[in-house]
Amino acid sequence: MKTVDLFKQKTVFSLEVFPPKPDADESVIYDTLHQLSDISPDFISVTYGAGGGKNGCKTIQIASDIQNKFGVQSVAHLACIDLTKQQAVQILDSISQNGIKNVLALRGDIPQGQSVTGDFRHASELIGFIKEKYDLNIIAACYPETHPESTSAVDDIKWLRHKVDCGADHLITQLFLDNAYFFDFLEKARIAGIDVPIEAGIMPVTNKRQIERMVKLCGVALPKKFMRVLEKYEHNEQALRDAGIAYAIDQITDLIAQGADGIHLYTMNNPYIAHRIYDAVHNLIGAYPEAI
C-alpha cells in the first residue's frame, strides 16, 4: 500500500527506525522491530543507513523484512547526496523488486567543507527522477522551523511547493518541540497550495546529550515549558526519560486534537519509549478529530 492512501482512512501513526552500524549485531534491530510491530503502526520508515550511504543496502533489506516478516507497510529512505543517476536506478530497482512501494526522498546532509558531487543537487531533483521512472509513492521532508539553509520562511515554503510539484505525495516534518511552529507552518503551506498530507514528526527527548545534538544539527527551538522540564530533571536520568515521554504525549494529544494528518514518531530504536507513547495516545488514533 502507498502511504498517501492511509490518510484517506484515519489519523496516521507511524514509526521510524535506523539500521545497525556495519559492525553491530543485526539481531538487535529485528528484536526491536518485533516489539514495535506489536504497536501495529500504519508504517515504519527506515533511514538511509547508520553512518552514511555505504550502509544503505541494509535499509532496503530491513524495509523488505518489515513488510514480509512483520506484516507492516514500510518506507525506505534514499539520500541523493553524491548519488549518480545510475546508482539511483540500481537502488530504486532493488526497492521495487523487494515489493517496497514507498520512498522517502532526501538530499542528505552535506559534509562540512564539501560540496555535492553527484547528479542530484536537491531532493526535488531526485523526486522528479523517481516520479518519471517508477510507480512509487514519494515522501519528502519539511521543516516547521524552516530549513537551516533557507533564506526565509517564505523561501522555504516556495521550495517545499516545488518538491510537491515535482511529485512528492506526502510530507513528514523535521522534529519540533513547540506545536505553535507546526500549526503556523501548516497554515502557510496550505495557503501556498500544498495540499498533500503533512505528518508531524515527534522525537521524545529523553537525555541531555540528545537535546544538545538536536539543537546543533537541526536548530530546534527549546520552548520555556521544555526548558523547565530539563532544568528540573537533567541530573536524574530516569526522571528525565519519563518527563520527555510525557512531554511528547502532550504534544501528540494536542496535534491530533487540532487535526494533524498524522504522527511520525522518531523512535531512536527504543521500543519501550514507543510503547509508552502509543499506549497513552492510541485511543485518539483511528478517528478524525471531529469523531473523537
Protein backbone atom coordinates (compact mmCIF):
# COMPACT_ATOMS: atom_id res chain seq x y z
CA MET A 1 0.00 0.00 0.00
CA LYS A 2 1.12 3.55 -0.71
CA THR A 3 1.26 5.67 2.44
CA VAL A 4 -0.68 8.52 0.87
CA ASP A 5 -3.78 6.29 0.76
CA LEU A 6 -3.68 5.75 4.53
CA PHE A 7 -4.64 9.37 5.20
CA LYS A 8 -7.98 8.88 3.48
CA GLN A 9 -8.98 6.48 6.25
CA LYS A 10 -7.67 7.78 9.59
CA THR A 11 -5.21 9.83 11.56
CA VAL A 12 -1.96 8.06 10.68
CA PHE A 13 0.52 6.85 13.30
CA SER A 14 3.93 5.75 12.02
CA LEU A 15 7.39 5.00 13.35
CA GLU A 16 10.99 5.49 12.23
CA VAL A 17 13.97 3.21 12.87
CA PHE A 18 17.58 3.23 11.74
CA PRO A 19 19.71 0.28 10.57
CA PRO A 20 22.54 -1.02 12.74
CA LYS A 21 26.09 0.12 12.06
CA PRO A 22 28.10 -2.23 9.83
CA ASP A 23 29.88 -3.89 12.76
CA ALA A 24 26.79 -4.16 15.02
CA ASP A 25 24.75 -7.25 15.85
CA GLU A 26 21.88 -7.27 13.34
CA SER A 27 19.69 -9.38 15.60
CA VAL A 28 19.12 -6.33 17.79
CA ILE A 29 17.21 -4.41 15.10
CA TYR A 30 14.99 -7.42 14.43
CA ASP A 31 14.20 -7.76 18.11
CA THR A 32 13.34 -4.04 18.07
CA LEU A 33 11.09 -4.49 15.03
CA HIS A 34 9.33 -7.43 16.66
CA GLN A 35 8.48 -5.25 19.64
CA LEU A 36 7.49 -2.26 17.50
CA SER A 37 5.24 -4.36 15.27
CA ASP A 38 3.13 -5.10 18.36
CA ILE A 39 2.00 -1.48 18.15
CA SER A 40 0.59 -2.16 14.66
CA PRO A 41 1.78 1.18 13.24
CA ASP A 42 0.47 2.28 9.87
CA PHE A 43 4.02 2.12 8.52
CA ILE A 44 7.64 2.01 9.64
CA SER A 45 10.28 4.03 7.83
CA VAL A 46 13.94 3.00 7.71
CA THR A 47 16.65 5.66 7.48
CA TYR A 48 19.36 5.51 4.83
CA GLY A 49 21.96 3.52 6.73
CA ALA A 50 23.68 4.26 10.02
CA GLY A 51 26.91 6.12 9.43
CA GLY A 52 26.15 7.08 5.83
CA GLY A 53 25.06 5.75 2.47
CA LYS A 54 27.57 2.88 2.44
CA ASN A 55 25.20 1.10 4.79
CA GLY A 56 22.17 1.91 2.64
CA CYS A 57 21.77 -1.69 1.42
CA LYS A 58 20.62 -2.60 4.92
CA THR A 59 17.85 -0.03 4.57
CA ILE A 60 16.28 -1.99 1.72
CA GLN A 61 16.66 -5.35 3.42
CA ILE A 62 15.14 -4.13 6.68
CA ALA A 63 12.31 -2.32 4.87
CA SER A 64 11.57 -5.51 2.93
CA ASP A 65 11.57 -7.60 6.12
CA ILE A 66 9.23 -5.14 7.85
CA GLN A 67 6.65 -5.92 5.17
CA ASN A 68 7.34 -9.59 4.56
CA LYS A 69 8.19 -10.79 8.07
CA PHE A 70 6.29 -8.40 10.31
CA GLY A 71 3.31 -7.53 8.10
CA VAL A 72 3.71 -3.74 8.40
CA GLN A 73 3.95 -1.30 5.49
CA SER A 74 7.44 0.13 5.12
CA VAL A 75 9.21 3.17 3.74
CA ALA A 76 12.82 3.12 2.53
CA HIS A 77 14.77 6.36 2.87
CA LEU A 78 17.00 7.38 -0.04
CA ALA A 79 19.52 10.22 0.24
CA CYS A 80 20.78 11.52 -3.10
CA ILE A 81 23.90 13.41 -2.00
CA ASP A 82 26.84 12.15 -4.11
CA LEU A 83 24.48 9.73 -5.90
CA THR A 84 24.73 9.28 -9.67
CA LYS A 85 21.64 8.57 -11.75
CA GLN A 86 22.98 5.10 -12.49
CA GLN A 87 23.37 4.38 -8.78
CA ALA A 88 19.89 5.74 -8.12
CA VAL A 89 18.43 3.38 -10.73
CA GLN A 90 20.19 0.40 -9.12
CA ILE A 91 18.85 1.29 -5.67
CA LEU A 92 15.34 2.08 -6.88
CA ASP A 93 15.22 -1.13 -8.92
CA SER A 94 16.14 -3.05 -5.77
CA ILE A 95 13.48 -1.22 -3.78
CA SER A 96 10.83 -2.09 -6.36
CA GLN A 97 11.99 -5.70 -6.69
CA ASN A 98 11.63 -6.10 -2.92
CA GLY A 99 7.99 -5.03 -3.12
CA ILE A 100 8.52 -1.72 -1.33
CA LYS A 101 6.05 0.91 -2.54
CA ASN A 102 7.21 3.95 -0.57
CA VAL A 103 10.40 6.01 -0.70
CA LEU A 104 11.40 8.99 1.45
CA ALA A 105 13.50 11.06 -0.96
CA LEU A 106 16.09 13.29 0.71
CA ARG A 107 19.13 15.27 -0.30
CA GLY A 108 21.06 14.33 2.82
CA ASP A 109 23.48 16.38 4.88
CA ILE A 110 26.46 17.86 3.08
CA PRO A 111 29.69 17.11 5.00
CA GLN A 112 31.34 20.23 6.35
CA GLY A 113 33.74 21.75 3.86
CA GLN A 114 32.48 19.62 0.97
CA SER A 115 30.03 20.11 -1.89
CA VAL A 116 27.51 17.92 -3.70
CA THR A 117 29.31 15.80 -6.32
CA GLY A 118 26.52 13.57 -7.62
CA ASP A 119 23.84 14.10 -10.25
CA PHE A 120 21.23 15.46 -7.82
CA ARG A 121 21.76 18.83 -6.16
CA HIS A 122 18.41 18.91 -4.37
CA ALA A 123 15.81 16.43 -3.12
CA SER A 124 13.35 17.88 -5.64
CA GLU A 125 15.56 16.60 -8.48
CA LEU A 126 15.54 13.09 -7.02
CA ILE A 127 11.77 13.30 -6.53
CA GLY A 128 11.25 14.26 -10.17
CA PHE A 129 13.59 11.46 -11.29
CA ILE A 130 11.68 8.84 -9.29
CA LYS A 131 8.29 10.14 -10.43
CA GLU A 132 9.30 9.91 -14.07
CA LYS A 133 10.67 6.36 -13.92
CA TYR A 134 8.90 4.47 -11.11
CA ASP A 135 5.42 3.80 -9.77
CA LEU A 136 6.41 4.59 -6.20
CA ASN A 137 4.80 6.70 -3.50
CA ILE A 138 7.23 9.54 -2.77
CA ILE A 139 7.56 11.12 0.65
CA ALA A 140 9.58 14.27 1.31
CA ALA A 141 10.83 16.14 4.35
CA CYS A 142 9.64 19.55 5.51
CA TYR A 143 10.72 21.94 8.26
CA PRO A 144 8.27 23.74 10.57
CA GLU A 145 11.09 25.99 11.80
CA THR A 146 12.41 26.37 8.20
CA HIS A 147 15.32 24.52 6.65
CA PRO A 148 18.65 25.73 8.08
CA GLU A 149 19.82 26.70 4.58
CA SER A 150 16.68 28.68 3.65
CA THR A 151 16.93 32.44 3.49
CA SER A 152 13.43 32.87 4.97
CA ALA A 153 10.23 31.03 5.84
CA VAL A 154 8.70 32.30 2.59
CA ASP A 155 11.62 30.92 0.58
CA ASP A 156 11.34 27.60 2.41
CA ILE A 157 7.64 27.25 1.59
CA LYS A 158 8.35 28.12 -2.05
CA TRP A 159 10.86 25.29 -2.38
CA LEU A 160 8.58 22.90 -0.50
CA ARG A 161 5.85 23.64 -3.03
CA HIS A 162 8.42 22.86 -5.71
CA LYS A 163 9.05 19.43 -4.12
CA VAL A 164 5.33 18.70 -4.24
CA ASP A 165 5.07 19.92 -7.83
CA CYS A 166 7.93 17.56 -8.72
CA GLY A 167 5.94 14.62 -7.36
CA ALA A 168 6.03 14.37 -3.56
CA ASP A 169 2.82 12.64 -2.42
CA HIS A 170 3.19 13.02 1.36
CA LEU A 171 5.35 15.10 3.70
CA ILE A 172 6.91 14.36 7.10
CA THR A 173 8.22 17.20 9.25
CA GLN A 174 11.53 17.53 10.98
CA LEU A 175 11.17 17.21 14.73
CA PHE A 176 9.94 20.19 16.75
CA LEU A 177 9.20 20.81 20.42
CA ASP A 178 6.73 23.70 20.11
CA ASN A 179 3.47 22.86 18.34
CA ALA A 180 2.93 26.52 17.51
CA TYR A 181 5.66 26.23 14.87
CA PHE A 182 3.88 23.28 13.27
CA PHE A 183 0.47 24.95 13.10
CA ASP A 184 1.94 28.19 11.72
CA PHE A 185 3.88 26.21 9.12
CA LEU A 186 0.80 24.14 8.22
CA GLU A 187 -1.29 27.27 7.64
CA LYS A 188 1.37 28.78 5.36
CA ALA A 189 1.76 25.52 3.45
CA ARG A 190 -1.97 25.25 2.77
CA ILE A 191 -2.16 28.89 1.69
CA ALA A 192 0.69 28.15 -0.75
CA GLY A 193 -1.39 25.36 -2.30
CA ILE A 194 0.46 22.45 -0.69
CA ASP A 195 -2.44 20.05 -0.24
CA VAL A 196 -0.69 16.69 0.32
CA PRO A 197 -0.84 15.04 3.78
CA ILE A 198 1.64 16.52 6.25
CA GLU A 199 2.69 14.27 9.12
CA ALA A 200 4.08 15.81 12.30
CA GLY A 201 7.47 14.35 13.25
CA ILE A 202 7.89 13.90 17.02
CA MET A 203 11.05 12.83 18.81
CA PRO A 204 10.75 12.12 22.54
CA VAL A 205 13.73 13.80 24.20
CA THR A 206 14.99 11.52 26.93
CA ASN A 207 18.53 12.68 27.70
CA LYS A 208 20.53 15.91 27.73
CA ARG A 209 23.05 14.82 25.10
CA GLN A 210 20.20 14.17 22.69
CA ILE A 211 18.90 17.71 23.25
CA GLU A 212 22.30 19.27 22.62
CA ARG A 213 22.68 17.28 19.39
CA MET A 214 19.21 18.30 18.18
CA VAL A 215 19.91 21.99 18.72
CA LYS A 216 23.27 21.75 16.93
CA LEU A 217 22.08 19.74 13.92
CA CYS A 218 18.51 20.94 13.45
CA GLY A 219 18.32 24.35 15.08
CA VAL A 220 15.28 23.23 17.07
CA ALA A 221 13.88 25.93 19.38
CA LEU A 222 13.59 24.96 23.03
CA PRO A 223 10.37 26.41 24.49
CA LYS A 224 10.25 27.62 28.09
CA LYS A 225 7.99 24.74 29.12
CA PHE A 226 10.53 22.25 27.86
CA MET A 227 13.46 24.09 29.45
CA ARG A 228 11.72 23.92 32.82
CA VAL A 229 11.46 20.15 32.43
CA LEU A 230 15.13 19.90 31.52
CA GLU A 231 16.29 22.09 34.39
CA LYS A 232 14.27 20.11 36.91
CA TYR A 233 15.26 16.60 35.81
CA GLU A 234 18.57 16.88 33.93
CA HIS A 235 20.51 15.18 36.76
CA ASN A 236 18.03 12.30 37.12
CA GLU A 237 18.25 10.05 34.06
CA GLN A 238 15.08 8.06 34.66
CA ALA A 239 13.03 11.11 35.64
CA LEU A 240 14.18 12.98 32.50
CA ARG A 241 13.24 9.99 30.35
CA ASP A 242 9.76 9.86 31.86
CA ALA A 243 9.36 13.63 31.60
CA GLY A 244 10.43 13.52 27.94
CA ILE A 245 7.86 10.83 27.23
CA ALA A 246 5.15 12.86 28.99
CA TYR A 247 6.12 15.95 27.00
CA ALA A 248 5.86 14.03 23.71
CA ILE A 249 2.46 12.63 24.73
CA ASP A 250 1.20 16.16 25.41
CA GLN A 251 2.47 17.29 22.01
CA ILE A 252 0.82 14.39 20.19
CA THR A 253 -2.50 14.78 22.01
CA ASP A 254 -2.64 18.45 21.03
CA LEU A 255 -1.64 17.75 17.43
CA ILE A 256 -4.30 15.09 16.94
CA ALA A 257 -6.98 17.17 18.65
CA GLN A 258 -6.23 20.08 16.31
CA GLY A 259 -6.41 17.98 13.17
CA ALA A 260 -2.88 16.90 12.27
CA ASP A 261 -2.92 14.44 9.38
CA GLY A 262 -0.69 12.05 11.28
CA ILE A 263 2.12 11.49 13.77
CA HIS A 264 5.53 10.13 12.79
CA LEU A 265 7.42 9.02 15.88
CA TYR A 266 11.22 9.04 15.74
CA THR A 267 11.75 6.00 17.96
CA MET A 268 15.57 6.05 18.12
CA ASN A 269 15.16 2.24 18.06
CA ASN A 270 13.72 2.29 21.57
CA PRO A 271 10.59 0.08 21.77
CA TYR A 272 9.97 0.91 25.43
CA ILE A 273 9.51 4.61 24.71
CA ALA A 274 7.42 3.93 21.61
CA HIS A 275 5.10 1.61 23.54
CA ARG A 276 4.71 4.11 26.39
CA ILE A 277 3.65 6.82 23.97
CA TYR A 278 1.38 4.61 21.88
CA ASP A 279 -0.37 3.25 24.98
CA ALA A 280 -1.17 6.83 26.01
CA VAL A 281 -2.49 8.08 22.65
CA HIS A 282 -3.84 5.03 20.79
CA ASN A 283 -7.45 5.85 21.63
CA LEU A 284 -7.06 9.11 19.72
CA ILE A 285 -5.72 7.33 16.64
CA GLY A 286 -8.04 5.81 14.11
CA ALA A 287 -10.64 8.56 14.09
CA TYR A 288 -10.52 12.09 12.82
CA PRO A 289 -10.69 14.82 15.50
CA GLU A 290 -14.34 15.61 14.83
CA ALA A 291 -15.18 11.99 15.72
CA ILE A 292 -13.22 11.94 18.98
